[in-house]
C-alpha atoms as a PDB file:
ATOM      1  CA  MET A   1      69.796 -15.652  58.588  1.00  0.00           C
ATOM      2  CA  SER A   2      66.924 -17.982  59.417  1.00  0.00           C
ATOM      3  CA  ILE A   3      64.085 -17.546  56.968  1.00  0.00           C
ATOM      4  CA  PHE A   4      61.769 -17.036  59.917  1.00  0.00           C
ATOM      5  CA  SER A   5      63.856 -14.467  61.794  1.00  0.00           C
ATOM      6  CA  LYS A   6      61.110 -11.907  61.121  1.00  0.00           C
ATOM      7  CA  VAL A   7      58.648 -13.947  63.209  1.00  0.00           C
ATOM      8  CA  ILE A   8      58.859 -12.152  66.555  1.00  0.00           C
ATOM      9  CA  VAL A   9      56.572 -11.308  69.467  1.00  0.00           C
ATOM     10  CA  PRO A  10      53.011 -11.427  68.092  1.00  0.00           C
ATOM     11  CA  VAL A  11      52.088  -7.869  69.108  1.00  0.00           C
ATOM     12  CA  VAL A  12      55.165  -6.478  67.392  1.00  0.00           C
ATOM     13  CA  ILE A  13      54.417  -8.474  64.264  1.00  0.00           C
ATOM     14  CA  ALA A  14      50.844  -7.252  64.322  1.00  0.00           C
ATOM     15  CA  MET A  15      52.040  -3.667  64.341  1.00  0.00           C
ATOM     16  CA  VAL A  16      54.194  -4.350  61.310  1.00  0.00           C
ATOM     17  CA  CYS A  17      51.408  -6.327  59.694  1.00  0.00           C
ATOM     18  CA  VAL A  18      48.701  -3.733  60.108  1.00  0.00           C
ATOM     19  CA  ALA A  19      50.510  -0.423  60.012  1.00  0.00           C
ATOM     20  CA  GLY A  20      54.057  -1.048  58.822  1.00  0.00           C
ATOM     21  CA  PRO A  21      55.619   0.775  55.879  1.00  0.00           C
ATOM     22  CA  PRO A  22      56.027  -2.291  53.585  1.00  0.00           C
ATOM     23  CA  ALA A  23      52.285  -2.932  53.343  1.00  0.00           C
ATOM     24  CA  ALA A  24      51.584   0.748  52.854  1.00  0.00           C
ATOM     25  CA  ARG A  25      54.227   0.974  50.140  1.00  0.00           C
ATOM     26  CA  ALA A  26      52.794  -2.038  48.309  1.00  0.00           C
ATOM     27  CA  GLN A  27      49.193  -0.849  48.282  1.00  0.00           C
ATOM     28  CA  SER A  28      50.169   2.743  47.485  1.00  0.00           C
ATOM     29  CA  ALA A  29      52.238   1.523  44.567  1.00  0.00           C
ATOM     30  CA  ALA A  30      49.385  -0.630  43.315  1.00  0.00           C
ATOM     31  CA  ALA A  31      46.983   2.303  43.453  1.00  0.00           C
ATOM     32  CA  GLY A  32      49.305   4.870  41.933  1.00  0.00           C
ATOM     33  CA  SER A  33      51.138   3.036  39.162  1.00  0.00           C
ATOM     34  CA  GLU A  34      50.973   0.036  36.888  1.00  0.00           C
ATOM     35  CA  GLN A  35      54.236  -1.358  38.251  1.00  0.00           C
ATOM     36  CA  PRO A  36      54.289  -2.035  42.017  1.00  0.00           C
ATOM     37  CA  SER A  37      57.433  -1.167  43.908  1.00  0.00           C
ATOM     38  CA  GLU A  38      60.426  -3.527  44.133  1.00  0.00           C
ATOM     39  CA  GLU A  39      61.662  -1.739  47.272  1.00  0.00           C
ATOM     40  CA  THR A  40      60.724  -4.496  49.710  1.00  0.00           C
ATOM     41  CA  TRP A  41      62.195  -7.230  47.517  1.00  0.00           C
ATOM     42  CA  ASN A  42      65.457  -5.337  47.096  1.00  0.00           C
ATOM     43  CA  SER A  43      65.727  -5.030  50.890  1.00  0.00           C
ATOM     44  CA  ILE A  44      65.168  -8.737  51.666  1.00  0.00           C
ATOM     45  CA  LYS A  45      66.526 -10.811  48.794  1.00  0.00           C
ATOM     46  CA  GLY A  46      70.164 -10.464  49.877  1.00  0.00           C
ATOM     47  CA  ASP A  47      69.412 -11.941  53.291  1.00  0.00           C
ATOM     48  CA  ILE A  48      67.230 -14.731  51.945  1.00  0.00           C
ATOM     49  CA  PHE A  49      69.566 -15.837  49.158  1.00  0.00           C
ATOM     50  CA  LYS A  50      72.903 -14.723  50.645  1.00  0.00           C
ATOM     51  CA  ASP A  51      73.456 -12.154  47.860  1.00  0.00           C
ATOM     52  CA  ARG A  52      73.501 -14.822  45.143  1.00  0.00           C
ATOM     53  CA  PRO A  53      72.406 -13.507  41.737  1.00  0.00           C
ATOM     54  CA  ILE A  54      68.892 -14.467  40.637  1.00  0.00           C
ATOM     55  CA  ARG A  55      68.376 -14.853  36.907  1.00  0.00           C
ATOM     56  CA  ASP A  56      65.132 -14.143  35.086  1.00  0.00           C
ATOM     57  CA  GLY A  57      63.278 -17.450  35.078  1.00  0.00           C
ATOM     58  CA  ALA A  58      60.612 -16.528  32.509  1.00  0.00           C
ATOM     59  CA  GLY A  59      59.720 -19.593  30.462  1.00  0.00           C
ATOM     60  CA  LEU A  60      61.693 -21.885  32.741  1.00  0.00           C
ATOM     61  CA  VAL A  61      59.949 -21.312  36.084  1.00  0.00           C
ATOM     62  CA  ILE A  62      56.154 -21.124  36.106  1.00  0.00           C
ATOM     63  CA  LEU A  63      54.147 -19.521  38.909  1.00  0.00           C
ATOM     64  CA  ASP A  64      50.373 -19.929  39.026  1.00  0.00           C
ATOM     65  CA  ALA A  65      48.754 -17.406  41.388  1.00  0.00           C
ATOM     66  CA  PRO A  66      45.444 -15.527  41.314  1.00  0.00           C
ATOM     67  CA  ARG A  67      45.572 -11.854  40.386  1.00  0.00           C
ATOM     68  CA  ARG A  68      42.992 -11.193  43.117  1.00  0.00           C
ATOM     69  CA  ALA A  69      42.521 -13.783  45.857  1.00  0.00           C
ATOM     70  CA  GLU A  70      39.033 -14.873  46.869  1.00  0.00           C
ATOM     71  CA  ASP A  71      40.278 -15.626  50.395  1.00  0.00           C
ATOM     72  CA  ALA A  72      43.523 -14.014  51.584  1.00  0.00           C
ATOM     73  CA  ALA A  73      44.020 -16.807  54.144  1.00  0.00           C
ATOM     74  CA  VAL A  74      43.827 -19.579  51.542  1.00  0.00           C
ATOM     75  CA  VAL A  75      45.536 -18.433  48.342  1.00  0.00           C
ATOM     76  CA  PRO A  76      46.314 -21.287  45.897  1.00  0.00           C
ATOM     77  CA  ILE A  77      49.865 -21.255  44.546  1.00  0.00           C
ATOM     78  CA  GLY A  78      51.332 -23.520  41.863  1.00  0.00           C
ATOM     79  CA  MET A  79      55.068 -23.725  41.135  1.00  0.00           C
ATOM     80  CA  ARG A  80      56.857 -25.730  38.477  1.00  0.00           C
ATOM     81  CA  VAL A  81      59.891 -25.799  36.231  1.00  0.00           C
ATOM     82  CA  ASN A  82      59.763 -26.554  32.512  1.00  0.00           C
ATOM     83  CA  LEU A  83      62.872 -28.540  31.639  1.00  0.00           C
ATOM     84  CA  ALA A  84      63.248 -29.731  28.045  1.00  0.00           C
ATOM     85  CA  ALA A  85      63.635 -33.457  27.469  1.00  0.00           C
ATOM     86  CA  ASN A  86      67.321 -32.975  26.575  1.00  0.00           C
ATOM     87  CA  ASP A  87      67.999 -30.678  29.551  1.00  0.00           C
ATOM     88  CA  GLU A  88      70.137 -32.650  31.991  1.00  0.00           C
ATOM     89  CA  ARG A  89      69.597 -30.230  34.857  1.00  0.00           C
ATOM     90  CA  THR A  90      67.387 -31.188  37.786  1.00  0.00           C
ATOM     91  CA  LEU A  91      65.409 -29.154  40.308  1.00  0.00           C
ATOM     92  CA  GLN A  92      67.187 -28.752  43.645  1.00  0.00           C
ATOM     93  CA  SER A  93      64.817 -26.450  45.529  1.00  0.00           C
ATOM     94  CA  LEU A  94      61.904 -24.031  45.254  1.00  0.00           C
ATOM     95  CA  THR A  95      61.644 -21.027  47.592  1.00  0.00           C
ATOM     96  CA  LEU A  96      58.286 -19.274  47.873  1.00  0.00           C
ATOM     97  CA  VAL A  97      58.487 -15.614  48.952  1.00  0.00           C
ATOM     98  CA  ILE A  98      55.639 -13.193  49.695  1.00  0.00           C
ATOM     99  CA  ASP A  99      57.328  -9.794  49.787  1.00  0.00           C
ATOM    100  CA  GLU A 100      54.960  -7.912  52.073  1.00  0.00           C
ATOM    101  CA  ASN A 101      54.223 -10.651  54.596  1.00  0.00           C
ATOM    102  CA  PRO A 102      55.717 -10.153  58.086  1.00  0.00           C
ATOM    103  CA  ALA A 103      57.813 -13.296  57.477  1.00  0.00           C
ATOM    104  CA  PRO A 104      58.369 -13.100  53.706  1.00  0.00           C
ATOM    105  CA  VAL A 105      59.609 -16.664  53.126  1.00  0.00           C
ATOM    106  CA  ALA A 106      56.527 -18.859  53.096  1.00  0.00           C
ATOM    107  CA  ALA A 107      58.429 -22.105  52.533  1.00  0.00           C
ATOM    108  CA  THR A 108      61.497 -23.672  50.998  1.00  0.00           C
ATOM    109  CA  PHE A 109      61.072 -27.055  49.327  1.00  0.00           C
ATOM    110  CA  THR A 110      64.263 -29.095  48.978  1.00  0.00           C
ATOM    111  CA  ILE A 111      63.873 -31.765  46.313  1.00  0.00           C
ATOM    112  CA  GLY A 112      65.115 -35.338  46.724  1.00  0.00           C
ATOM    113  CA  PRO A 113      67.895 -36.202  44.240  1.00  0.00           C
ATOM    114  CA  ARG A 114      66.006 -39.072  42.559  1.00  0.00           C
ATOM    115  CA  SER A 115      62.451 -37.876  43.086  1.00  0.00           C
ATOM    116  CA  GLY A 116      61.849 -36.313  39.665  1.00  0.00           C
ATOM    117  CA  VAL A 117      59.746 -33.560  41.263  1.00  0.00           C
ATOM    118  CA  THR A 118      59.205 -30.562  38.969  1.00  0.00           C
ATOM    119  CA  SER A 119      55.842 -29.282  40.243  1.00  0.00           C
ATOM    120  CA  ILE A 120      54.518 -28.336  43.697  1.00  0.00           C
ATOM    121  CA  SER A 121      51.311 -26.597  44.722  1.00  0.00           C
ATOM    122  CA  THR A 122      50.102 -25.401  48.110  1.00  0.00           C
ATOM    123  CA  ARG A 123      47.953 -22.732  49.801  1.00  0.00           C
ATOM    124  CA  VAL A 124      49.262 -19.614  51.533  1.00  0.00           C
ATOM    125  CA  ARG A 125      48.268 -16.531  53.492  1.00  0.00           C
ATOM    126  CA  VAL A 126      48.837 -13.143  51.877  1.00  0.00           C
ATOM    127  CA  ASN A 127      48.714 -10.238  54.285  1.00  0.00           C
ATOM    128  CA  SER A 128      48.644  -7.241  51.929  1.00  0.00           C
ATOM    129  CA  TYR A 129      48.919  -6.499  48.224  1.00  0.00           C
ATOM    130  CA  SER A 130      52.216  -8.105  47.367  1.00  0.00           C
ATOM    131  CA  TYR A 131      54.479  -9.697  44.844  1.00  0.00           C
ATOM    132  CA  VAL A 132      54.586 -13.462  45.283  1.00  0.00           C
ATOM    133  CA  ARG A 133      57.829 -14.974  43.986  1.00  0.00           C
ATOM    134  CA  VAL A 134      59.239 -18.385  43.285  1.00  0.00           C
ATOM    135  CA  VAL A 135      62.992 -18.849  43.099  1.00  0.00           C
ATOM    136  CA  ALA A 136      64.169 -22.194  41.731  1.00  0.00           C
ATOM    137  CA  GLU A 137      67.653 -23.557  42.262  1.00  0.00           C
ATOM    138  CA  LEU A 138      68.748 -25.998  39.577  1.00  0.00           C
ATOM    139  CA  SER A 139      71.609 -28.469  39.535  1.00  0.00           C
ATOM    140  CA  ASP A 140      73.703 -25.992  37.528  1.00  0.00           C
ATOM    141  CA  GLY A 141      73.994 -24.003  40.774  1.00  0.00           C
ATOM    142  CA  GLN A 142      72.004 -21.059  39.418  1.00  0.00           C
ATOM    143  CA  LEU A 143      68.901 -19.382  40.845  1.00  0.00           C
ATOM    144  CA  TYR A 144      66.000 -18.534  38.534  1.00  0.00           C
ATOM    145  CA  GLY A 145      63.091 -16.385  39.703  1.00  0.00           C
ATOM    146  CA  VAL A 146      59.641 -15.278  38.577  1.00  0.00           C
ATOM    147  CA  LYS A 147      56.949 -13.180  40.247  1.00  0.00           C
ATOM    148  CA  ALA A 148      53.212 -12.478  40.225  1.00  0.00           C
ATOM    149  CA  TYR A 149      51.337  -9.631  41.869  1.00  0.00           C
ATOM    150  CA  VAL A 150      48.519 -10.801  44.146  1.00  0.00           C
ATOM    151  CA  LYS A 151      45.833  -8.512  45.506  1.00  0.00           C
ATOM    152  CA  ALA A 152      44.857  -9.789  48.944  1.00  0.00           C
ATOM    153  CA  SER A 153      44.877  -8.438  52.488  1.00  0.00           C
ATOM    154  CA  GLY A 154      44.453  -9.678  56.041  1.00  0.00           C
ATOM    155  CA  GLY A 155      45.432 -13.278  55.429  1.00  0.00           C
ATOM    156  CA  CYS A 156      47.932 -13.490  58.271  1.00  0.00           C
ATOM    157  CA  SER A 157      45.515 -12.215  60.911  1.00  0.00           C
ATOM    158  CA  ALA A 158      42.354 -13.973  59.671  1.00  0.00           C
ATOM    159  CA  PRO A 159      40.790 -16.149  62.408  1.00  0.00           C
ATOM    160  CA  ALA A 160      41.017 -19.905  62.127  1.00  0.00           C
ATOM    161  CA  ALA A 161      38.323 -21.515  60.016  1.00  0.00           C
ATOM    162  CA  ALA A 162      38.084 -24.670  62.112  1.00  0.00           C
ATOM    163  CA  ASN A 163      36.844 -25.135  65.655  1.00  0.00           C
ATOM    164  CA  ALA A 164      39.871 -24.947  67.950  1.00  0.00           C
ATOM    165  CA  ASP A 165      38.816 -27.872  70.158  1.00  0.00           C
ATOM    166  CA  ALA A 166      38.109 -30.086  67.148  1.00  0.00           C
ATOM    167  CA  THR A 167      41.425 -29.130  65.582  1.00  0.00           C
ATOM    168  CA  LYS A 168      43.269 -30.003  68.785  1.00  0.00           C
ATOM    169  CA  SER A 169      41.671 -33.435  68.935  1.00  0.00           C
ATOM    170  CA  MET A 170      42.671 -34.157  65.314  1.00  0.00           C
ATOM    171  CA  LEU A 171      46.073 -32.452  65.395  1.00  0.00           C
ATOM    172  CA  GLY A 172      48.541 -34.096  63.042  1.00  0.00           C
ATOM    173  CA  GLN A 173      46.092 -36.386  61.248  1.00  0.00           C
ATOM    174  CA  MET A 174      47.059 -36.841  57.606  1.00  0.00           C
ATOM    175  CA  LYS A 175      45.415 -37.719  54.308  1.00  0.00           C
ATOM    176  CA  PHE A 176      47.286 -39.081  51.308  1.00  0.00           C
ATOM    177  CA  ARG A 177      46.252 -39.416  47.697  1.00  0.00           C
ATOM    178  CA  ALA A 178      48.248 -40.781  44.764  1.00  0.00           C
ATOM    179  CA  LEU A 179      46.982 -40.590  41.191  1.00  0.00           C
ATOM    180  CA  HIS A 180      48.093 -40.723  37.579  1.00  0.00           C
ATOM    181  CA  LEU A 181      46.160 -38.104  35.641  1.00  0.00           C
ATOM    182  CA  HIS A 182      47.770 -38.479  32.211  1.00  0.00           C
ATOM    183  CA  ALA A 183      49.535 -41.405  30.615  1.00  0.00           C
ATOM    184  CA  ASP A 184      52.318 -39.172  29.269  1.00  0.00           C
ATOM    185  CA  ALA A 185      52.933 -37.275  32.522  1.00  0.00           C
ATOM    186  CA  LEU A 186      54.464 -38.098  35.880  1.00  0.00           C
ATOM    187  CA  PRO A 187      52.032 -39.306  38.542  1.00  0.00           C
ATOM    188  CA  GLU A 188      51.050 -36.911  41.318  1.00  0.00           C
ATOM    189  CA  ALA A 189      50.530 -37.217  45.046  1.00  0.00           C
ATOM    190  CA  GLN A 190      48.929 -35.040  47.702  1.00  0.00           C
ATOM    191  CA  ILE A 191      49.602 -34.796  51.423  1.00  0.00           C
ATOM    192  CA  MET A 192      47.040 -33.056  53.641  1.00  0.00           C
ATOM    193  CA  LEU A 193      47.810 -32.438  57.309  1.00  0.00           C
ATOM    194  CA  ARG A 194      45.458 -31.269  60.041  1.00  0.00           C
ATOM    195  CA  HIS A 195      47.103 -28.331  61.843  1.00  0.00           C
ATOM    196  CA  PRO A 196      45.881 -24.829  62.847  1.00  0.00           C
ATOM    197  CA  GLN A 197      49.018 -23.097  61.546  1.00  0.00           C
ATOM    198  CA  ASN A 198      48.642 -20.212  64.006  1.00  0.00           C
ATOM    199  CA  SER A 199      50.514 -17.232  62.598  1.00  0.00           C
ATOM    200  CA  GLY A 200      50.972 -15.248  65.826  1.00  0.00           C
ATOM    201  CA  LEU A 201      48.842 -12.464  64.325  1.00  0.00           C
ATOM    202  CA  GLN A 202      45.423 -13.907  65.125  1.00  0.00           C
ATOM    203  CA  MET A 203      43.526 -12.637  68.141  1.00  0.00           C
ATOM    204  CA  ASP A 204      41.577 -14.805  70.560  1.00  0.00           C
ATOM    205  CA  GLN A 205      38.109 -13.268  70.481  1.00  0.00           C
ATOM    206  CA  LEU A 206      37.466 -14.152  74.136  1.00  0.00           C
ATOM    207  CA  THR A 207      40.725 -13.098  75.788  1.00  0.00           C
ATOM    208  CA  ARG A 208      41.623 -10.395  73.217  1.00  0.00           C
ATOM    209  CA  LEU A 209      45.160 -11.720  73.347  1.00  0.00           C
ATOM    210  CA  TYR A 210      47.226 -12.825  70.353  1.00  0.00           C
ATOM    211  CA  VAL A 211      47.385 -16.572  69.811  1.00  0.00           C
ATOM    212  CA  PRO A 212      51.060 -17.641  69.921  1.00  0.00           C
ATOM    213  CA  PRO A 213      52.668 -18.844  66.666  1.00  0.00           C
ATOM    214  CA  PHE A 214      52.199 -22.582  66.205  1.00  0.00           C
ATOM    215  CA  PHE A 215      52.883 -24.083  62.784  1.00  0.00           C
ATOM    216  CA  ILE A 216      54.555 -26.898  60.875  1.00  0.00           C
ATOM    217  CA  GLU A 217      58.205 -25.979  60.467  1.00  0.00           C
ATOM    218  CA  ASN A 218      59.504 -29.201  58.880  1.00  0.00           C
ATOM    219  CA  LEU A 219      57.824 -31.754  56.654  1.00  0.00           C
ATOM    220  CA  LYS A 220      59.572 -34.650  54.915  1.00  0.00           C
ATOM    221  CA  ILE A 221      58.049 -37.034  52.403  1.00  0.00           C
ATOM    222  CA  TRP A 222      59.608 -40.299  51.228  1.00  0.00           C
ATOM    223  CA  GLN A 223      58.796 -42.804  48.489  1.00  0.00           C
ATOM    224  CA  GLY A 224      60.089 -45.983  50.056  1.00  0.00           C
ATOM    225  CA  ASP A 225      63.526 -44.986  51.371  1.00  0.00           C
ATOM    226  CA  ASP A 226      64.051 -42.213  48.808  1.00  0.00           C
ATOM    227  CA  LEU A 227      63.415 -38.627  49.930  1.00  0.00           C
ATOM    228  CA  VAL A 228      60.849 -36.936  47.694  1.00  0.00           C
ATOM    229  CA  MET A 229      61.042 -33.504  49.314  1.00  0.00           C
ATOM    230  CA  ALA A 230      61.680 -31.667  52.566  1.00  0.00           C
ATOM    231  CA  MET A 231      59.738 -28.506  53.363  1.00  0.00           C
ATOM    232  CA  GLU A 232      60.883 -25.812  55.762  1.00  0.00           C
ATOM    233  CA  GLY A 233      57.695 -23.892  56.404  1.00  0.00           C
ATOM    234  CA  GLY A 234      56.544 -20.748  58.156  1.00  0.00           C
ATOM    235  CA  ILE A 235      53.478 -18.773  59.183  1.00  0.00           C
ATOM    236  CA  ALA A 236      52.293 -18.148  55.619  1.00  0.00           C
ATOM    237  CA  ILE A 237      51.347 -21.771  54.917  1.00  0.00           C
ATOM    238  CA  SER A 238      47.577 -21.920  55.340  1.00  0.00           C
ATOM    239  CA  GLU A 239      45.647 -23.748  58.019  1.00  0.00           C
ATOM    240  CA  ASP A 240      45.600 -27.526  57.373  1.00  0.00           C
ATOM    241  CA  PRO A 241      48.643 -27.596  55.033  1.00  0.00           C
ATOM    242  CA  ASN A 242      48.007 -29.144  51.639  1.00  0.00           C
ATOM    243  CA  ILE A 243      50.995 -30.078  49.465  1.00  0.00           C
ATOM    244  CA  ARG A 244      50.552 -31.555  45.985  1.00  0.00           C
ATOM    245  CA  PHE A 245      53.487 -32.638  43.790  1.00  0.00           C
ATOM    246  CA  ASN A 246      54.498 -34.832  40.888  1.00  0.00           C
ATOM    247  CA  TYR A 247      57.107 -37.561  41.271  1.00  0.00           C
ATOM    248  CA  ARG A 248      58.992 -40.313  39.454  1.00  0.00           C
ATOM    249  CA  PRO A 249      57.937 -43.813  40.602  1.00  0.00           C
ATOM    250  CA  ASN A 250      60.843 -45.850  41.961  1.00  0.00           C
ATOM    251  CA  GLY A 251      59.049 -49.153  42.485  1.00  0.00           C
ATOM    252  CA  ALA A 252      58.475 -48.622  46.198  1.00  0.00           C
ATOM    253  CA  ALA A 253      55.216 -49.865  47.672  1.00  0.00           C
ATOM    254  CA  ASN A 254      54.686 -47.030  50.166  1.00  0.00           C
ATOM    255  CA  PHE A 255      54.826 -43.301  50.731  1.00  0.00           C
ATOM    256  CA  ARG A 256      55.533 -41.999  54.219  1.00  0.00           C
ATOM    257  CA  ALA A 257      55.648 -38.555  55.786  1.00  0.00           C
ATOM    258  CA  GLU A 258      56.931 -36.982  58.979  1.00  0.00           C
ATOM    259  CA  ALA A 259      56.112 -33.476  60.201  1.00  0.00           C
ATOM    260  CA  ILE A 260      57.414 -31.451  63.152  1.00  0.00           C
ATOM    261  CA  ASP A 261      55.737 -28.289  64.393  1.00  0.00           C
ATOM    262  CA  THR A 262      57.053 -25.403  66.481  1.00  0.00           C
ATOM    263  CA  GLY A 263      55.751 -27.095  69.632  1.00  0.00           C
ATOM    264  CA  LYS A 264      58.049 -30.041  68.765  1.00  0.00           C
ATOM    265  CA  ASP A 265      55.079 -32.320  68.182  1.00  0.00           C
ATOM    266  CA  ARG A 266      56.050 -35.046  65.726  1.00  0.00           C
ATOM    267  CA  PHE A 267      53.554 -36.634  63.339  1.00  0.00           C
ATOM    268  CA  LYS A 268      54.157 -39.694  61.164  1.00  0.00           C
ATOM    269  CA  ASP A 269      52.097 -41.738  58.756  1.00  0.00           C
ATOM    270  CA  GLU A 270      52.548 -44.210  55.901  1.00  0.00           C
ATOM    271  CA  TRP A 271      50.369 -45.219  52.947  1.00  0.00           C
ATOM    272  CA  PRO A 272      50.403 -47.750  50.111  1.00  0.00           C
ATOM    273  CA  ILE A 273      50.842 -46.231  46.668  1.00  0.00           C
ATOM    274  CA  GLU A 274      47.589 -46.873  44.806  1.00  0.00           C
ATOM    275  CA  LYS A 275      46.173 -44.765  41.987  1.00  0.00           C
ATOM    276  CA  SER A 276      43.345 -42.448  42.973  1.00  0.00           C
ATOM    277  CA  MET A 277      43.136 -44.003  46.449  1.00  0.00           C
ATOM    278  CA  LEU A 278      42.333 -41.769  49.401  1.00  0.00           C
ATOM    279  CA  VAL A 279      43.694 -43.143  52.650  1.00  0.00           C
ATOM    280  CA  GLY A 280      42.687 -41.868  56.103  1.00  0.00           C
ATOM    281  CA  ALA A 281      40.070 -39.260  56.962  1.00  0.00           C
ATOM    282  CA  PHE A 282      39.781 -36.098  59.033  1.00  0.00           C
END
């Protein structure tokens, strides 16, 4: 099943988003007990992960998420795996799931085989009180998951922050930053992409019609000719996607990125790798 099969006609999604049982179950559980319900997760995890077992990733997989979000449309999420120096396993993918969102899978990040990536952060929309989960697949073929409960609501239907005309004129523009924060740690890089990321749940205030879904569905990043990561994204990735990650230098002189949105627009850019250098501007 496609991870975005739950993204359907905007009005139907809106009904699920605003009044559907999953959101009600989540907030009712939060109000009435210390342990929110796992009902939604139990109903979707088989489809998302093809009934593969998911082991407890505590201590191995780390999820950084706010307990209560300041802005439900821009919720910062950090994901990483802690592999010991003598652990020969590598990270294959990270899947970010927001149980109570209309399309629960926010993104799947497939990691390049020689990239060394162990940490990714981004910003997401959270539509109602929900568990946010990260499931890591390692090279041993096993899935390891962790979760955090995030209190936020209305993120999927929140109006765009940017002016629509300005966004259209700058659609696809990218920023890149590469930096080495600590001598004993891998360097990091950040890709920022101008895109409205319309969820299909937002209403045009003039026409009172729902704005059709329009978002980045594929993003690939390379260091030289080596793939760093490939993201399959959905409606939960916030407006103007921002992806930060660590990586293992391979001696290449350039980073490059290519993104494709649901309108089949294709965006490309390339940057020299220089510490703490910001290239391009919105």
